[in-house]
């Protein structure tokens, strides 16, 4: 199984799901990671506030932050190599990067790629309603 690690910018708590205003993208990521965990897939998640040692001890991430700064985060590492920077993976990208079956993530509301593919539900472009 592939190993994924997510290195995030400084946040007030380990998931960023605290305070008055919750970022829907962080909520989606937490939901995806919990769903993956329920299927036995662990993804390491580290933010600069709560896990600075992880940033220092990972040479790839340390070099990236030195070169691009914290503004380039999040950094997604798969099997020791940078896969994505500056954003979180879509649900489809999680599936591809981790090489897991689609049902491991399922349909999670708020994923832009899933929302785009919904369409209006009409076949052949002819809407009946």
N, C-alpha and C. Protein backbone atom coordinates (compact mmCIF):
# COMPACT_ATOMS: atom_id res chain seq x y z
N UNK A 1 0.84 -1.17 0.00
CA UNK A 1 0.00 0.00 0.00
C UNK A 1 0.88 1.24 0.00
N UNK A 2 0.45 2.26 -0.71
CA UNK A 2 1.22 3.49 -0.80
C UNK A 2 1.11 4.28 0.49
N UNK A 3 2.14 5.08 0.75
CA UNK A 3 2.17 5.89 1.96
C UNK A 3 2.00 7.36 1.59
N UNK A 4 0.98 8.00 2.18
CA UNK A 4 0.72 9.41 1.93
C UNK A 4 0.89 10.19 3.23
N UNK A 5 1.48 11.37 3.07
CA UNK A 5 1.60 12.31 4.18
C UNK A 5 1.16 13.67 3.68
N UNK A 6 0.43 14.39 4.54
CA UNK A 6 -0.03 15.73 4.22
C UNK A 6 0.62 16.69 5.20
N UNK A 7 1.35 17.66 4.67
CA UNK A 7 2.00 18.68 5.48
C UNK A 7 1.28 20.00 5.23
N UNK A 8 0.65 20.51 6.29
CA UNK A 8 -0.24 21.66 6.16
C UNK A 8 0.35 22.91 6.81
N UNK A 9 -0.18 24.08 6.43
CA UNK A 9 0.28 25.31 7.09
C UNK A 9 -0.16 25.32 8.55
N UNK A 10 0.33 26.29 9.29
CA UNK A 10 -0.02 26.43 10.70
C UNK A 10 -1.53 26.64 10.84
N UNK A 11 -2.12 25.89 11.76
CA UNK A 11 -3.54 26.01 12.05
C UNK A 11 -3.73 26.01 13.56
N UNK A 12 -4.91 26.42 13.98
CA UNK A 12 -5.17 26.52 15.41
C UNK A 12 -5.27 25.17 16.11
N UNK A 13 -5.60 24.12 15.35
CA UNK A 13 -5.67 22.77 15.91
C UNK A 13 -5.21 21.78 14.84
N UNK A 14 -5.14 20.52 15.17
CA UNK A 14 -4.54 19.54 14.26
C UNK A 14 -5.30 19.37 12.94
N UNK A 15 -6.61 19.65 12.93
CA UNK A 15 -7.40 19.47 11.71
C UNK A 15 -7.83 20.78 11.06
N UNK A 16 -7.73 21.88 11.80
CA UNK A 16 -8.21 23.16 11.29
C UNK A 16 -9.72 23.32 11.46
N UNK A 17 -10.35 22.35 12.09
CA UNK A 17 -11.82 22.38 12.27
C UNK A 17 -12.17 22.95 13.63
N UNK A 18 -11.68 24.13 13.88
CA UNK A 18 -11.95 24.77 15.16
C UNK A 18 -12.30 26.23 14.90
N UNK A 19 -12.79 26.88 15.89
CA UNK A 19 -13.14 28.28 15.73
C UNK A 19 -14.54 28.44 15.18
N UNK A 20 -14.90 29.66 14.90
CA UNK A 20 -16.25 30.01 14.47
C UNK A 20 -16.51 29.63 13.02
N UNK A 21 -15.55 29.90 12.16
CA UNK A 21 -15.72 29.66 10.73
C UNK A 21 -14.88 28.47 10.29
N UNK A 22 -15.53 27.38 9.88
CA UNK A 22 -14.83 26.18 9.46
C UNK A 22 -14.71 26.17 7.94
N UNK A 23 -13.49 25.98 7.47
CA UNK A 23 -13.21 25.90 6.03
C UNK A 23 -13.80 24.59 5.49
N UNK A 24 -14.73 24.66 4.50
CA UNK A 24 -15.32 23.44 3.98
C UNK A 24 -14.31 22.47 3.37
N UNK A 25 -13.22 22.98 2.84
CA UNK A 25 -12.19 22.11 2.27
C UNK A 25 -11.51 21.29 3.36
N UNK A 26 -11.25 21.90 4.50
CA UNK A 26 -10.65 21.17 5.62
C UNK A 26 -11.62 20.14 6.17
N UNK A 27 -12.90 20.46 6.15
CA UNK A 27 -13.91 19.49 6.57
C UNK A 27 -13.93 18.30 5.62
N UNK A 28 -13.84 18.57 4.31
CA UNK A 28 -13.81 17.49 3.31
C UNK A 28 -12.58 16.60 3.53
N UNK A 29 -11.43 17.23 3.74
CA UNK A 29 -10.20 16.46 3.94
C UNK A 29 -10.31 15.59 5.18
N UNK A 30 -10.81 16.14 6.27
CA UNK A 30 -10.98 15.34 7.49
C UNK A 30 -11.92 14.17 7.26
N UNK A 31 -12.99 14.41 6.51
CA UNK A 31 -13.95 13.34 6.21
C UNK A 31 -13.30 12.25 5.36
N UNK A 32 -12.57 12.66 4.34
CA UNK A 32 -11.88 11.69 3.48
C UNK A 32 -10.89 10.86 4.30
N UNK A 33 -10.08 11.53 5.12
CA UNK A 33 -9.07 10.82 5.90
C UNK A 33 -9.71 9.87 6.91
N UNK A 34 -10.81 10.27 7.52
CA UNK A 34 -11.51 9.37 8.44
C UNK A 34 -12.10 8.17 7.71
N UNK A 35 -12.65 8.41 6.52
CA UNK A 35 -13.21 7.32 5.72
C UNK A 35 -12.12 6.34 5.30
N UNK A 36 -10.98 6.87 4.87
CA UNK A 36 -9.85 6.01 4.51
C UNK A 36 -9.38 5.20 5.72
N UNK A 37 -9.29 5.86 6.86
CA UNK A 37 -8.86 5.18 8.09
C UNK A 37 -9.80 4.02 8.43
N UNK A 38 -11.10 4.23 8.22
CA UNK A 38 -12.08 3.17 8.48
C UNK A 38 -11.89 1.97 7.56
N UNK A 39 -11.19 2.18 6.43
CA UNK A 39 -10.88 1.09 5.50
C UNK A 39 -9.44 0.60 5.67
N UNK A 40 -8.79 1.02 6.75
CA UNK A 40 -7.44 0.54 7.04
C UNK A 40 -6.32 1.30 6.35
N UNK A 41 -6.64 2.46 5.75
CA UNK A 41 -5.63 3.26 5.07
C UNK A 41 -5.30 4.46 5.95
N UNK A 42 -4.07 4.52 6.43
CA UNK A 42 -3.66 5.63 7.29
C UNK A 42 -2.88 6.65 6.46
N UNK A 43 -3.28 7.91 6.58
CA UNK A 43 -2.58 9.02 5.94
C UNK A 43 -2.05 9.91 7.05
N UNK A 44 -0.74 10.15 7.05
CA UNK A 44 -0.15 11.04 8.05
C UNK A 44 -0.54 12.48 7.75
N UNK A 45 -0.96 13.20 8.79
CA UNK A 45 -1.38 14.59 8.61
C UNK A 45 -0.67 15.44 9.66
N UNK A 46 0.09 16.42 9.18
CA UNK A 46 0.90 17.24 10.07
C UNK A 46 0.71 18.71 9.72
N UNK A 47 0.46 19.53 10.75
CA UNK A 47 0.45 20.96 10.48
C UNK A 47 1.60 21.62 11.21
N UNK A 48 2.00 22.74 10.70
CA UNK A 48 3.22 23.42 11.15
C UNK A 48 3.16 23.81 12.62
N UNK A 49 1.97 24.09 13.14
CA UNK A 49 1.84 24.47 14.54
C UNK A 49 2.02 23.28 15.47
N UNK A 50 1.32 22.18 15.17
CA UNK A 50 1.28 21.05 16.09
C UNK A 50 2.37 20.01 15.86
N UNK A 51 3.00 20.00 14.69
CA UNK A 51 4.00 18.97 14.39
C UNK A 51 5.22 19.55 13.67
N UNK A 52 5.84 20.59 14.23
CA UNK A 52 6.98 21.20 13.53
C UNK A 52 8.15 20.23 13.34
N UNK A 53 8.30 19.27 14.26
CA UNK A 53 9.39 18.31 14.15
C UNK A 53 9.28 17.48 12.88
N UNK A 54 8.05 17.15 12.47
CA UNK A 54 7.83 16.37 11.23
C UNK A 54 8.33 17.15 10.01
N UNK A 55 8.14 18.47 10.02
CA UNK A 55 8.60 19.31 8.92
C UNK A 55 10.13 19.34 8.86
N UNK A 56 10.75 19.39 10.03
CA UNK A 56 12.20 19.45 10.10
C UNK A 56 12.83 18.11 9.74
N UNK A 57 12.21 17.03 10.20
CA UNK A 57 12.83 15.71 9.99
C UNK A 57 12.59 15.14 8.60
N UNK A 58 11.63 15.68 7.86
CA UNK A 58 11.38 15.21 6.49
C UNK A 58 12.16 16.11 5.53
N UNK A 59 13.25 15.61 4.99
CA UNK A 59 14.13 16.42 4.14
C UNK A 59 13.40 17.01 2.94
N UNK A 60 12.55 16.24 2.31
CA UNK A 60 11.82 16.72 1.12
C UNK A 60 10.96 17.93 1.48
N UNK A 61 10.22 17.82 2.57
CA UNK A 61 9.34 18.92 2.99
C UNK A 61 10.16 20.09 3.51
N UNK A 62 11.21 19.80 4.26
CA UNK A 62 12.08 20.85 4.79
C UNK A 62 12.67 21.67 3.64
N UNK A 63 13.18 21.00 2.62
CA UNK A 63 13.74 21.69 1.45
C UNK A 63 12.66 22.51 0.75
N UNK A 64 11.46 21.95 0.61
CA UNK A 64 10.36 22.66 -0.06
C UNK A 64 10.02 23.94 0.70
N UNK A 65 9.87 23.85 2.01
CA UNK A 65 9.50 25.03 2.81
C UNK A 65 10.60 26.08 2.77
N UNK A 66 11.85 25.64 2.79
CA UNK A 66 12.95 26.61 2.69
C UNK A 66 12.92 27.34 1.35
N UNK A 67 12.58 26.62 0.28
CA UNK A 67 12.58 27.22 -1.05
C UNK A 67 11.31 28.04 -1.32
N UNK A 68 10.15 27.49 -0.99
CA UNK A 68 8.87 28.13 -1.34
C UNK A 68 8.22 28.88 -0.18
N UNK A 69 8.61 28.55 1.03
CA UNK A 69 7.99 29.16 2.20
C UNK A 69 6.70 28.44 2.57
N UNK A 70 6.15 28.82 3.70
CA UNK A 70 4.93 28.19 4.20
C UNK A 70 3.73 28.48 3.31
N UNK A 71 3.82 29.52 2.48
CA UNK A 71 2.71 29.84 1.56
C UNK A 71 2.51 28.76 0.51
N UNK A 72 3.50 27.90 0.29
CA UNK A 72 3.38 26.82 -0.68
C UNK A 72 2.66 25.59 -0.15
N UNK A 73 2.33 25.60 1.14
CA UNK A 73 1.64 24.47 1.76
C UNK A 73 0.15 24.50 1.42
N UNK A 74 -0.52 23.38 1.42
CA UNK A 74 -0.08 22.07 1.84
C UNK A 74 0.81 21.38 0.80
N UNK A 75 1.60 20.43 1.29
CA UNK A 75 2.42 19.58 0.45
C UNK A 75 1.95 18.15 0.67
N UNK A 76 1.65 17.47 -0.41
CA UNK A 76 1.20 16.08 -0.35
C UNK A 76 2.36 15.20 -0.81
N UNK A 77 2.80 14.32 0.08
CA UNK A 77 3.92 13.41 -0.20
C UNK A 77 3.36 12.00 -0.36
N UNK A 78 3.73 11.33 -1.45
CA UNK A 78 3.34 9.94 -1.65
C UNK A 78 4.61 9.13 -1.88
N UNK A 79 4.79 8.15 -1.02
CA UNK A 79 5.99 7.30 -1.08
C UNK A 79 7.28 8.11 -1.13
N UNK A 80 7.32 9.17 -0.31
CA UNK A 80 8.53 9.97 -0.16
C UNK A 80 8.74 11.05 -1.20
N UNK A 81 7.84 11.17 -2.17
CA UNK A 81 8.00 12.17 -3.24
C UNK A 81 6.82 13.14 -3.24
N UNK A 82 7.10 14.39 -3.59
CA UNK A 82 6.05 15.39 -3.66
C UNK A 82 5.11 15.06 -4.81
N UNK A 83 3.81 14.97 -4.48
CA UNK A 83 2.79 14.68 -5.50
C UNK A 83 1.97 15.92 -5.83
N UNK A 84 1.66 16.73 -4.83
CA UNK A 84 0.84 17.93 -5.02
C UNK A 84 1.33 19.00 -4.05
N UNK A 85 1.32 20.25 -4.51
CA UNK A 85 1.65 21.36 -3.62
C UNK A 85 0.60 22.46 -3.77
N UNK A 86 0.41 23.20 -2.69
CA UNK A 86 -0.47 24.38 -2.73
C UNK A 86 -1.96 24.10 -2.66
N UNK A 87 -2.35 22.84 -2.61
CA UNK A 87 -3.77 22.48 -2.53
C UNK A 87 -3.88 21.05 -2.04
N UNK A 88 -5.11 20.69 -1.68
CA UNK A 88 -5.37 19.31 -1.26
C UNK A 88 -5.82 18.49 -2.46
N UNK A 89 -5.62 17.18 -2.42
CA UNK A 89 -6.08 16.33 -3.53
C UNK A 89 -7.61 16.27 -3.57
N UNK A 90 -8.14 16.14 -4.77
CA UNK A 90 -9.58 15.86 -4.92
C UNK A 90 -9.82 14.43 -4.46
N UNK A 91 -11.07 14.06 -4.31
CA UNK A 91 -11.38 12.68 -3.93
C UNK A 91 -10.81 11.70 -4.95
N UNK A 92 -10.96 12.03 -6.22
CA UNK A 92 -10.44 11.16 -7.28
C UNK A 92 -8.92 11.05 -7.21
N UNK A 93 -8.25 12.14 -6.88
CA UNK A 93 -6.80 12.10 -6.75
C UNK A 93 -6.37 11.24 -5.56
N UNK A 94 -7.12 11.31 -4.46
CA UNK A 94 -6.82 10.41 -3.33
C UNK A 94 -6.86 8.96 -3.79
N UNK A 95 -7.89 8.62 -4.54
CA UNK A 95 -8.05 7.24 -5.02
C UNK A 95 -6.87 6.84 -5.90
N UNK A 96 -6.49 7.71 -6.82
CA UNK A 96 -5.39 7.40 -7.74
C UNK A 96 -4.04 7.38 -7.03
N UNK A 97 -3.79 8.39 -6.20
CA UNK A 97 -2.49 8.48 -5.53
C UNK A 97 -2.26 7.34 -4.55
N UNK A 98 -3.31 6.91 -3.88
CA UNK A 98 -3.18 5.82 -2.90
C UNK A 98 -3.43 4.46 -3.52
N UNK A 99 -3.91 4.44 -4.75
CA UNK A 99 -4.21 3.20 -5.46
C UNK A 99 -5.17 2.33 -4.63
N UNK A 100 -6.29 2.97 -4.25
CA UNK A 100 -7.33 2.27 -3.49
C UNK A 100 -8.62 2.25 -4.30
N UNK A 101 -9.51 1.32 -4.02
CA UNK A 101 -10.79 1.29 -4.73
C UNK A 101 -11.62 2.53 -4.41
N UNK A 102 -12.42 2.96 -5.36
CA UNK A 102 -13.24 4.15 -5.20
C UNK A 102 -14.17 4.09 -4.02
N UNK A 103 -14.67 2.90 -3.70
CA UNK A 103 -15.60 2.81 -2.58
C UNK A 103 -14.92 3.06 -1.23
N UNK A 104 -13.60 3.09 -1.20
CA UNK A 104 -12.90 3.44 0.04
C UNK A 104 -13.17 4.88 0.44
N UNK A 105 -13.47 5.71 -0.53
CA UNK A 105 -13.79 7.11 -0.25
C UNK A 105 -15.28 7.35 -0.40
N UNK A 106 -15.89 6.71 -1.39
CA UNK A 106 -17.31 6.92 -1.61
C UNK A 106 -17.59 8.31 -2.13
N UNK A 107 -18.84 8.67 -2.09
CA UNK A 107 -19.25 9.98 -2.56
C UNK A 107 -19.28 10.92 -1.37
N UNK A 108 -18.41 11.90 -1.40
CA UNK A 108 -18.33 12.86 -0.31
C UNK A 108 -18.72 14.22 -0.83
N UNK A 109 -19.75 14.78 -0.25
CA UNK A 109 -20.26 16.08 -0.68
C UNK A 109 -19.16 17.13 -0.59
N UNK A 110 -19.17 18.03 -1.56
CA UNK A 110 -18.24 19.14 -1.54
C UNK A 110 -17.01 18.96 -2.40
N UNK A 111 -16.77 17.77 -2.92
CA UNK A 111 -15.62 17.57 -3.79
C UNK A 111 -15.96 18.19 -5.14
N UNK A 112 -15.17 19.15 -5.55
CA UNK A 112 -15.45 19.89 -6.78
C UNK A 112 -15.55 18.98 -7.99
N UNK A 113 -14.68 17.98 -8.09
CA UNK A 113 -14.70 17.07 -9.23
C UNK A 113 -15.99 16.25 -9.26
N UNK A 114 -16.45 15.80 -8.10
CA UNK A 114 -17.69 15.03 -8.04
C UNK A 114 -18.87 15.90 -8.41
N UNK A 115 -18.84 17.14 -7.91
CA UNK A 115 -19.94 18.06 -8.18
C UNK A 115 -20.03 18.36 -9.67
N UNK A 116 -18.89 18.51 -10.34
CA UNK A 116 -18.88 18.81 -11.77
C UNK A 116 -19.47 17.67 -12.58
N UNK A 117 -19.23 16.44 -12.17
CA UNK A 117 -19.63 15.30 -12.98
C UNK A 117 -21.11 14.94 -12.80
N UNK A 118 -21.79 15.57 -11.84
CA UNK A 118 -23.18 15.24 -11.59
C UNK A 118 -24.07 15.57 -12.78
N UNK A 119 -23.89 16.76 -13.33
CA UNK A 119 -24.77 17.21 -14.40
C UNK A 119 -26.18 17.40 -13.88
N UNK A 120 -27.13 17.53 -14.78
CA UNK A 120 -28.51 17.74 -14.36
C UNK A 120 -29.27 16.44 -14.23
N UNK A 121 -28.68 15.33 -14.66
CA UNK A 121 -29.34 14.05 -14.54
C UNK A 121 -30.16 13.69 -15.76
N UNK A 122 -30.21 14.53 -16.74
CA UNK A 122 -30.97 14.27 -17.95
C UNK A 122 -30.11 13.52 -18.95
N UNK A 123 -30.68 12.57 -19.66
CA UNK A 123 -29.88 11.82 -20.63
C UNK A 123 -29.89 12.54 -21.97
N UNK A 124 -28.76 12.49 -22.64
CA UNK A 124 -28.65 13.06 -23.98
C UNK A 124 -28.79 14.57 -24.02
N UNK A 125 -28.74 15.24 -22.87
CA UNK A 125 -28.83 16.69 -22.85
C UNK A 125 -30.25 17.21 -22.92
N UNK A 126 -31.24 16.33 -23.06
CA UNK A 126 -32.63 16.77 -23.12
C UNK A 126 -33.24 16.72 -21.73
N UNK A 127 -33.43 17.90 -21.18
CA UNK A 127 -33.98 17.97 -19.83
C UNK A 127 -35.51 17.89 -19.88
N UNK A 128 -36.02 17.04 -19.02
CA UNK A 128 -37.45 16.82 -19.01
C UNK A 128 -38.14 17.63 -17.92
N UNK A 129 -37.38 18.23 -17.02
CA UNK A 129 -38.02 18.94 -15.90
C UNK A 129 -37.44 20.30 -15.67
